[in-house]
């Protein structure tokens, strides 16, 4: 079964397209999947794990990372 995690990414209160987003398992920190935000900062990532996850956005323009969702449940 596949579970979908989705959300939006904002930088300085502006929804940003083209930001890399990574999904990790909350219990182990294991990398699950990566995607890039699309129109309006939207992202959608699938996971095979029915458990809590966290999402990290990789701000390539500033070289910094940010935890944007913690304990997201697919």
Protein backbone atom coordinates (compact mmCIF):
# COMPACT_ATOMS: atom_id res chain seq x y z
CA UNK A 1 0.00 0.00 0.00
CA UNK A 2 1.26 3.50 -0.82
CA UNK A 3 0.63 6.51 1.41
CA UNK A 4 0.88 10.12 0.23
CA UNK A 5 2.29 13.07 2.18
CA UNK A 6 1.62 16.54 0.79
CA UNK A 7 1.96 20.18 1.74
CA UNK A 8 3.41 23.53 0.73
CA UNK A 9 6.76 25.30 1.11
CA UNK A 10 7.09 29.00 1.95
CA UNK A 11 10.22 31.13 1.97
CA UNK A 12 9.79 34.50 3.68
CA UNK A 13 5.99 33.98 3.60
CA UNK A 14 5.99 33.38 -0.17
CA UNK A 15 5.09 30.00 -1.68
CA UNK A 16 8.12 28.90 -3.72
CA UNK A 17 8.32 26.59 -6.75
CA UNK A 18 11.40 24.51 -7.54
CA UNK A 19 12.49 23.76 -3.95
CA UNK A 20 13.75 20.22 -3.28
CA UNK A 21 11.75 18.43 -0.58
CA UNK A 22 12.75 15.18 1.15
CA UNK A 23 10.63 12.78 3.15
CA UNK A 24 12.10 10.72 6.02
CA UNK A 25 10.72 8.05 8.34
CA UNK A 26 10.26 9.54 11.81
CA UNK A 27 11.13 6.33 13.67
CA UNK A 28 14.50 5.69 11.98
CA UNK A 29 15.45 8.85 10.07
CA UNK A 30 15.60 6.74 6.91
CA UNK A 31 15.32 8.69 3.64
CA UNK A 32 12.12 7.68 1.79
CA UNK A 33 11.70 9.90 -1.27
CA UNK A 34 12.48 13.31 -2.80
CA UNK A 35 10.47 15.67 -4.99
CA UNK A 36 10.45 19.31 -6.09
CA UNK A 37 7.76 21.86 -5.29
CA UNK A 38 5.46 22.87 -8.12
CA UNK A 39 2.95 25.67 -8.69
CA UNK A 40 2.23 27.49 -5.44
CA UNK A 41 4.94 25.66 -3.48
CA UNK A 42 3.00 22.39 -3.52
CA UNK A 43 4.64 19.01 -3.05
CA UNK A 44 3.42 15.43 -2.89
CA UNK A 45 5.56 12.44 -1.89
CA UNK A 46 4.59 8.77 -1.63
CA UNK A 47 5.77 6.40 1.09
CA UNK A 48 5.41 2.67 1.62
CA UNK A 49 5.51 3.15 5.41
CA UNK A 50 2.29 3.68 7.36
CA UNK A 51 3.87 5.68 10.18
CA UNK A 52 4.90 9.23 11.10
CA UNK A 53 7.38 11.02 8.84
CA UNK A 54 9.14 14.37 8.72
CA UNK A 55 9.81 16.61 5.73
CA UNK A 56 12.90 18.72 5.04
CA UNK A 57 13.01 21.47 2.39
CA UNK A 58 16.39 22.15 0.79
CA UNK A 59 16.66 25.86 0.08
CA UNK A 60 19.14 25.77 -2.77
CA UNK A 61 19.28 29.55 -3.14
CA UNK A 62 20.57 30.13 0.40
CA UNK A 63 22.26 26.79 0.99
CA UNK A 64 20.29 26.12 4.17
CA UNK A 65 17.84 23.37 5.11
CA UNK A 66 14.64 23.65 7.12
CA UNK A 67 12.41 21.15 8.85
CA UNK A 68 9.01 22.13 7.49
CA UNK A 69 6.77 19.31 8.76
CA UNK A 70 7.37 17.09 11.76
CA UNK A 71 5.24 14.06 12.61
CA UNK A 72 3.34 14.12 9.33
CA UNK A 73 1.20 11.00 8.93
CA UNK A 74 0.56 9.56 5.48
